[in-house]
């Protein structure tokens, strides 16, 4: 069987144990199952500090450890060149605190969105526009609660749900939501910044 080992290391991996094996941060494949399992079990790092921290590692160091384990291996890296190990101390879930944060964020988002919608309606004078349209078509004054206001409110709700492609735990289709896209872009930018900062040799701060 071939001794070619394929590595696909993720850009960032969250772990909660201190002895990091290759299988924790990468997908490993080899035609020889015994070699593949041996590679997966290789310990690539031991975390000594008992605190949450991100560690920047190089794939080249992982390849060196693999070659030290078996010099006859042929390593083919198809993943990241530099990667991040995001260590979190093991702890029991704090459900009350997590739900409290979730509810707080929901309240803030709801109030912020409501304020933005009301501000837009006042700036655009939507109420006056609806009254004028109603008076022109119906030949009478609007009471302020007509089919126009109801349709606008329902349409706004449908539009928001359709745009965000998400309601509660249900999704309209399999596409990622705009929020998921922005979160992934944010995480990707954070990871790239951490890796680039780690590779800098300057001692002075170059960004103020």
C-alpha atoms as a PDB file:
ATOM      1  CA  UNK A   1       0.000   0.000   0.000  1.00  0.00           C
ATOM      2  CA  UNK A   2       0.980   3.632  -0.544  1.00  0.00           C
ATOM      3  CA  UNK A   3       2.567   5.569   2.289  1.00  0.00           C
ATOM      4  CA  UNK A   4       1.257   8.897   1.021  1.00  0.00           C
ATOM      5  CA  UNK A   5      -0.600  10.756   3.770  1.00  0.00           C
ATOM      6  CA  UNK A   6      -3.001  13.549   2.881  1.00  0.00           C
ATOM      7  CA  UNK A   7      -3.543  16.322   5.430  1.00  0.00           C
ATOM      8  CA  UNK A   8      -6.444  18.735   5.422  1.00  0.00           C
ATOM      9  CA  UNK A   9      -5.893  21.018   8.401  1.00  0.00           C
ATOM     10  CA  UNK A  10      -8.686  23.413   9.369  1.00  0.00           C
ATOM     11  CA  UNK A  11      -7.903  27.109   9.714  1.00  0.00           C
ATOM     12  CA  UNK A  12      -9.162  27.217  13.310  1.00  0.00           C
ATOM     13  CA  UNK A  13     -10.223  24.439  15.675  1.00  0.00           C
ATOM     14  CA  UNK A  14     -11.713  24.775  19.149  1.00  0.00           C
ATOM     15  CA  UNK A  15     -10.474  22.223  21.670  1.00  0.00           C
ATOM     16  CA  UNK A  16     -11.149  21.603  25.371  1.00  0.00           C
ATOM     17  CA  UNK A  17      -8.339  19.172  26.203  1.00  0.00           C
ATOM     18  CA  UNK A  18      -4.620  19.875  26.573  1.00  0.00           C
ATOM     19  CA  UNK A  19      -3.118  16.977  24.631  1.00  0.00           C
ATOM     20  CA  UNK A  20      -3.815  17.848  20.998  1.00  0.00           C
ATOM     21  CA  UNK A  21      -3.714  15.030  18.476  1.00  0.00           C
ATOM     22  CA  UNK A  22      -3.549  15.447  14.724  1.00  0.00           C
ATOM     23  CA  UNK A  23      -7.108  14.147  14.335  1.00  0.00           C
ATOM     24  CA  UNK A  24      -8.328  17.056  16.480  1.00  0.00           C
ATOM     25  CA  UNK A  25      -7.267  19.675  13.938  1.00  0.00           C
ATOM     26  CA  UNK A  26      -7.132  17.839  10.603  1.00  0.00           C
ATOM     27  CA  UNK A  27      -8.708  15.291   8.327  1.00  0.00           C
ATOM     28  CA  UNK A  28      -6.137  12.587   7.590  1.00  0.00           C
ATOM     29  CA  UNK A  29      -6.261  10.046   4.777  1.00  0.00           C
ATOM     30  CA  UNK A  30      -3.967   7.221   3.704  1.00  0.00           C
ATOM     31  CA  UNK A  31      -4.522   3.986   1.774  1.00  0.00           C
ATOM     32  CA  UNK A  32      -2.910   2.130   4.656  1.00  0.00           C
ATOM     33  CA  UNK A  33      -5.421   2.182   7.514  1.00  0.00           C
ATOM     34  CA  UNK A  34      -2.794   1.357  10.123  1.00  0.00           C
ATOM     35  CA  UNK A  35      -0.621   4.294   9.051  1.00  0.00           C
ATOM     36  CA  UNK A  36      -3.645   6.585   8.895  1.00  0.00           C
ATOM     37  CA  UNK A  37      -4.695   5.700  12.449  1.00  0.00           C
ATOM     38  CA  UNK A  38      -1.124   6.119  13.662  1.00  0.00           C
ATOM     39  CA  UNK A  39      -0.939   9.559  12.104  1.00  0.00           C
ATOM     40  CA  UNK A  40      -4.285  10.594  13.546  1.00  0.00           C
ATOM     41  CA  UNK A  41      -3.110   9.649  17.036  1.00  0.00           C
ATOM     42  CA  UNK A  42       0.103  11.697  16.747  1.00  0.00           C
ATOM     43  CA  UNK A  43       0.307  14.303  19.514  1.00  0.00           C
ATOM     44  CA  UNK A  44       1.202  17.601  17.883  1.00  0.00           C
ATOM     45  CA  UNK A  45       0.968  19.903  20.905  1.00  0.00           C
ATOM     46  CA  UNK A  46       0.557  19.886  24.674  1.00  0.00           C
ATOM     47  CA  UNK A  47      -1.018  22.957  26.249  1.00  0.00           C
ATOM     48  CA  UNK A  48       0.506  23.831  29.612  1.00  0.00           C
ATOM     49  CA  UNK A  49      -1.313  27.054  30.515  1.00  0.00           C
ATOM     50  CA  UNK A  50      -4.629  26.650  32.296  1.00  0.00           C
ATOM     51  CA  UNK A  51      -6.418  29.522  30.579  1.00  0.00           C
ATOM     52  CA  UNK A  52      -8.306  30.230  27.382  1.00  0.00           C
ATOM     53  CA  UNK A  53      -5.895  31.085  24.594  1.00  0.00           C
ATOM     54  CA  UNK A  54      -5.424  30.833  20.846  1.00  0.00           C
ATOM     55  CA  UNK A  55      -2.234  29.208  19.602  1.00  0.00           C
ATOM     56  CA  UNK A  56      -0.845  29.854  16.118  1.00  0.00           C
ATOM     57  CA  UNK A  57       0.761  26.716  14.671  1.00  0.00           C
ATOM     58  CA  UNK A  58       2.503  25.870  11.400  1.00  0.00           C
ATOM     59  CA  UNK A  59       1.661  22.905   9.219  1.00  0.00           C
ATOM     60  CA  UNK A  60       5.372  22.512   8.476  1.00  0.00           C
ATOM     61  CA  UNK A  61       5.957  21.651  12.151  1.00  0.00           C
ATOM     62  CA  UNK A  62       3.246  19.001  11.939  1.00  0.00           C
ATOM     63  CA  UNK A  63       4.891  17.511   8.843  1.00  0.00           C
ATOM     64  CA  UNK A  64       8.224  17.403  10.696  1.00  0.00           C
ATOM     65  CA  UNK A  65       6.624  15.459  13.552  1.00  0.00           C
ATOM     66  CA  UNK A  66       5.098  13.012  11.080  1.00  0.00           C
ATOM     67  CA  UNK A  67       8.462  12.498   9.378  1.00  0.00           C
ATOM     68  CA  UNK A  68      10.112  11.959  12.760  1.00  0.00           C
ATOM     69  CA  UNK A  69       7.503   9.315  13.496  1.00  0.00           C
ATOM     70  CA  UNK A  70       8.028   7.581  10.128  1.00  0.00           C
ATOM     71  CA  UNK A  71      10.632   8.889   7.696  1.00  0.00           C
ATOM     72  CA  UNK A  72       9.211   6.820   4.815  1.00  0.00           C
ATOM     73  CA  UNK A  73       5.945   8.790   4.746  1.00  0.00           C
ATOM     74  CA  UNK A  74       5.087  11.083   1.859  1.00  0.00           C
ATOM     75  CA  UNK A  75       3.053  14.011   3.177  1.00  0.00           C
ATOM     76  CA  UNK A  76       0.658  15.894   0.920  1.00  0.00           C
ATOM     77  CA  UNK A  77      -0.886  18.949   2.551  1.00  0.00           C
ATOM     78  CA  UNK A  78      -4.179  20.054   0.976  1.00  0.00           C
ATOM     79  CA  UNK A  79      -5.237  22.315   3.847  1.00  0.00           C
ATOM     80  CA  UNK A  80      -3.931  25.398   5.632  1.00  0.00           C
ATOM     81  CA  UNK A  81      -0.278  26.428   5.844  1.00  0.00           C
ATOM     82  CA  UNK A  82      -0.809  28.074   9.242  1.00  0.00           C
ATOM     83  CA  UNK A  83      -3.628  27.177  11.598  1.00  0.00           C
ATOM     84  CA  UNK A  84      -5.079  28.138  14.972  1.00  0.00           C
ATOM     85  CA  UNK A  85      -5.786  25.989  18.006  1.00  0.00           C
ATOM     86  CA  UNK A  86      -8.431  27.748  20.090  1.00  0.00           C
ATOM     87  CA  UNK A  87      -8.134  26.271  23.586  1.00  0.00           C
ATOM     88  CA  UNK A  88     -10.984  26.649  26.082  1.00  0.00           C
ATOM     89  CA  UNK A  89     -10.844  25.352  29.613  1.00  0.00           C
ATOM     90  CA  UNK A  90     -13.321  22.523  30.239  1.00  0.00           C
ATOM     91  CA  UNK A  91     -16.338  23.722  32.174  1.00  0.00           C
ATOM     92  CA  UNK A  92     -19.911  22.697  32.747  1.00  0.00           C
ATOM     93  CA  UNK A  93     -22.516  24.540  30.655  1.00  0.00           C
ATOM     94  CA  UNK A  94     -24.064  27.588  32.344  1.00  0.00           C
ATOM     95  CA  UNK A  95     -27.544  27.371  30.871  1.00  0.00           C
ATOM     96  CA  UNK A  96     -29.030  30.218  32.914  1.00  0.00           C
ATOM     97  CA  UNK A  97     -26.268  32.638  31.881  1.00  0.00           C
ATOM     98  CA  UNK A  98     -26.429  31.533  28.242  1.00  0.00           C
ATOM     99  CA  UNK A  99     -30.197  31.999  28.078  1.00  0.00           C
ATOM    100  CA  UNK A 100     -29.882  35.360  29.828  1.00  0.00           C
ATOM    101  CA  UNK A 101     -27.393  36.562  27.206  1.00  0.00           C
ATOM    102  CA  UNK A 102     -29.580  35.214  24.387  1.00  0.00           C
ATOM    103  CA  UNK A 103     -32.693  36.969  25.695  1.00  0.00           C
ATOM    104  CA  UNK A 104     -30.763  40.215  26.218  1.00  0.00           C
ATOM    105  CA  UNK A 105     -29.413  40.139  22.644  1.00  0.00           C
ATOM    106  CA  UNK A 106     -32.903  39.412  21.279  1.00  0.00           C
ATOM    107  CA  UNK A 107     -34.359  42.375  23.182  1.00  0.00           C
ATOM    108  CA  UNK A 108     -31.599  44.704  21.976  1.00  0.00           C
ATOM    109  CA  UNK A 109     -32.010  43.552  18.348  1.00  0.00           C
ATOM    110  CA  UNK A 110     -35.807  43.869  18.527  1.00  0.00           C
ATOM    111  CA  UNK A 111     -35.687  47.377  19.996  1.00  0.00           C
ATOM    112  CA  UNK A 112     -32.968  48.473  17.570  1.00  0.00           C
ATOM    113  CA  UNK A 113     -34.848  47.141  14.537  1.00  0.00           C
ATOM    114  CA  UNK A 114     -38.115  48.700  15.741  1.00  0.00           C
ATOM    115  CA  UNK A 115     -36.434  52.061  16.233  1.00  0.00           C
ATOM    116  CA  UNK A 116     -34.833  51.888  12.764  1.00  0.00           C
ATOM    117  CA  UNK A 117     -38.160  51.046  11.096  1.00  0.00           C
ATOM    118  CA  UNK A 118     -40.038  53.784  12.948  1.00  0.00           C
ATOM    119  CA  UNK A 119     -37.323  56.330  12.120  1.00  0.00           C
ATOM    120  CA  UNK A 120     -37.472  55.387   8.441  1.00  0.00           C
ATOM    121  CA  UNK A 121     -41.269  55.656   8.417  1.00  0.00           C
ATOM    122  CA  UNK A 122     -41.124  59.116   9.991  1.00  0.00           C
ATOM    123  CA  UNK A 123     -38.366  60.328   7.656  1.00  0.00           C
ATOM    124  CA  UNK A 124     -40.244  59.091   4.596  1.00  0.00           C
ATOM    125  CA  UNK A 125     -43.625  60.227   5.990  1.00  0.00           C
ATOM    126  CA  UNK A 126     -45.138  56.832   5.214  1.00  0.00           C
ATOM    127  CA  UNK A 127     -48.237  57.580   7.289  1.00  0.00           C
ATOM    128  CA  UNK A 128     -48.959  60.778   5.306  1.00  0.00           C
ATOM    129  CA  UNK A 129     -48.361  58.947   2.022  1.00  0.00           C
ATOM    130  CA  UNK A 130     -50.820  56.199   2.986  1.00  0.00           C
ATOM    131  CA  UNK A 131     -53.412  58.791   4.027  1.00  0.00           C
ATOM    132  CA  UNK A 132     -53.037  60.620   0.748  1.00  0.00           C
ATOM    133  CA  UNK A 133     -53.285  57.425  -1.319  1.00  0.00           C
ATOM    134  CA  UNK A 134     -56.355  56.328   0.637  1.00  0.00           C
ATOM    135  CA  UNK A 135     -58.024  59.746   0.191  1.00  0.00           C
ATOM    136  CA  UNK A 136     -57.354  59.770  -3.557  1.00  0.00           C
ATOM    137  CA  UNK A 137     -58.658  56.227  -4.149  1.00  0.00           C
ATOM    138  CA  UNK A 138     -61.472  55.969  -1.584  1.00  0.00           C
ATOM    139  CA  UNK A 139     -62.521  59.642  -1.726  1.00  0.00           C
ATOM    140  CA  UNK A 140     -62.574  59.863   2.073  1.00  0.00           C
ATOM    141  CA  UNK A 141     -60.189  60.476   4.916  1.00  0.00           C
ATOM    142  CA  UNK A 142     -58.189  57.588   6.351  1.00  0.00           C
ATOM    143  CA  UNK A 143     -58.750  56.474   9.922  1.00  0.00           C
ATOM    144  CA  UNK A 144     -55.071  55.544  10.218  1.00  0.00           C
ATOM    145  CA  UNK A 145     -55.846  51.833  10.267  1.00  0.00           C
ATOM    146  CA  UNK A 146     -56.700  50.670   6.765  1.00  0.00           C
ATOM    147  CA  UNK A 147     -55.784  47.914   4.327  1.00  0.00           C
ATOM    148  CA  UNK A 148     -52.688  49.919   3.387  1.00  0.00           C
ATOM    149  CA  UNK A 149     -51.246  49.853   6.911  1.00  0.00           C
ATOM    150  CA  UNK A 150     -52.140  46.187   7.379  1.00  0.00           C
ATOM    151  CA  UNK A 151     -50.595  45.191   4.023  1.00  0.00           C
ATOM    152  CA  UNK A 152     -47.472  47.221   4.758  1.00  0.00           C
ATOM    153  CA  UNK A 153     -47.003  45.587   8.162  1.00  0.00           C
ATOM    154  CA  UNK A 154     -47.558  42.061   6.827  1.00  0.00           C
ATOM    155  CA  UNK A 155     -45.338  42.705   3.807  1.00  0.00           C
ATOM    156  CA  UNK A 156     -42.569  44.089   6.016  1.00  0.00           C
ATOM    157  CA  UNK A 157     -42.638  40.965   8.184  1.00  0.00           C
ATOM    158  CA  UNK A 158     -42.600  38.619   5.183  1.00  0.00           C
ATOM    159  CA  UNK A 159     -39.788  40.626   3.602  1.00  0.00           C
ATOM    160  CA  UNK A 160     -37.625  40.457   6.737  1.00  0.00           C
ATOM    161  CA  UNK A 161     -38.176  36.707   7.130  1.00  0.00           C
ATOM    162  CA  UNK A 162     -37.497  36.146   3.433  1.00  0.00           C
ATOM    163  CA  UNK A 163     -34.323  38.250   3.447  1.00  0.00           C
ATOM    164  CA  UNK A 164     -32.846  36.620   6.531  1.00  0.00           C
ATOM    165  CA  UNK A 165     -34.015  33.169   5.351  1.00  0.00           C
ATOM    166  CA  UNK A 166     -34.661  32.207   8.935  1.00  0.00           C
ATOM    167  CA  UNK A 167     -37.497  32.058  11.439  1.00  0.00           C
ATOM    168  CA  UNK A 168     -36.909  30.419  14.830  1.00  0.00           C
ATOM    169  CA  UNK A 169     -35.183  27.114  13.985  1.00  0.00           C
ATOM    170  CA  UNK A 170     -36.698  26.884  10.506  1.00  0.00           C
ATOM    171  CA  UNK A 171     -35.077  27.972   7.226  1.00  0.00           C
ATOM    172  CA  UNK A 172     -36.820  28.680   3.927  1.00  0.00           C
ATOM    173  CA  UNK A 173     -34.060  27.020   1.892  1.00  0.00           C
ATOM    174  CA  UNK A 174     -30.603  25.541   2.347  1.00  0.00           C
ATOM    175  CA  UNK A 175     -28.717  28.771   1.591  1.00  0.00           C
ATOM    176  CA  UNK A 176     -26.818  30.322   4.509  1.00  0.00           C
ATOM    177  CA  UNK A 177     -28.531  33.329   6.055  1.00  0.00           C
ATOM    178  CA  UNK A 178     -26.983  36.805   5.671  1.00  0.00           C
ATOM    179  CA  UNK A 179     -26.109  36.704   9.365  1.00  0.00           C
ATOM    180  CA  UNK A 180     -24.313  33.367   8.943  1.00  0.00           C
ATOM    181  CA  UNK A 181     -22.378  34.776   5.978  1.00  0.00           C
ATOM    182  CA  UNK A 182     -21.297  37.857   7.930  1.00  0.00           C
ATOM    183  CA  UNK A 183     -20.289  35.754  10.952  1.00  0.00           C
ATOM    184  CA  UNK A 184     -18.189  33.429   8.797  1.00  0.00           C
ATOM    185  CA  UNK A 185     -16.516  36.417   7.111  1.00  0.00           C
ATOM    186  CA  UNK A 186     -15.827  37.937  10.525  1.00  0.00           C
ATOM    187  CA  UNK A 187     -14.348  34.698  11.875  1.00  0.00           C
ATOM    188  CA  UNK A 188     -12.250  34.266   8.725  1.00  0.00           C
ATOM    189  CA  UNK A 189     -10.891  37.821   9.033  1.00  0.00           C
ATOM    190  CA  UNK A 190     -10.095  37.271  12.721  1.00  0.00           C
ATOM    191  CA  UNK A 191      -8.198  34.067  11.936  1.00  0.00           C
ATOM    192  CA  UNK A 192      -6.226  35.680   9.100  1.00  0.00           C
ATOM    193  CA  UNK A 193      -5.341  38.660  11.302  1.00  0.00           C
ATOM    194  CA  UNK A 194      -4.112  36.433  14.136  1.00  0.00           C
ATOM    195  CA  UNK A 195      -1.954  34.410  11.734  1.00  0.00           C
ATOM    196  CA  UNK A 196      -0.549  37.504  10.009  1.00  0.00           C
ATOM    197  CA  UNK A 197       0.204  39.233  13.320  1.00  0.00           C
ATOM    198  CA  UNK A 198       1.978  36.125  14.573  1.00  0.00           C
ATOM    199  CA  UNK A 199       4.180  36.122  11.476  1.00  0.00           C
ATOM    200  CA  UNK A 200       5.306  39.727  11.880  1.00  0.00           C
ATOM    201  CA  UNK A 201       8.869  40.210  13.056  1.00  0.00           C
ATOM    202  CA  UNK A 202       8.548  43.911  13.922  1.00  0.00           C
ATOM    203  CA  UNK A 203       8.500  44.912  17.568  1.00  0.00           C
ATOM    204  CA  UNK A 204       6.883  48.320  17.012  1.00  0.00           C
ATOM    205  CA  UNK A 205       3.157  48.797  16.677  1.00  0.00           C
ATOM    206  CA  UNK A 206       2.379  49.609  13.040  1.00  0.00           C
ATOM    207  CA  UNK A 207      -1.341  50.316  13.452  1.00  0.00           C
ATOM    208  CA  UNK A 208      -2.672  53.061  15.708  1.00  0.00           C
END
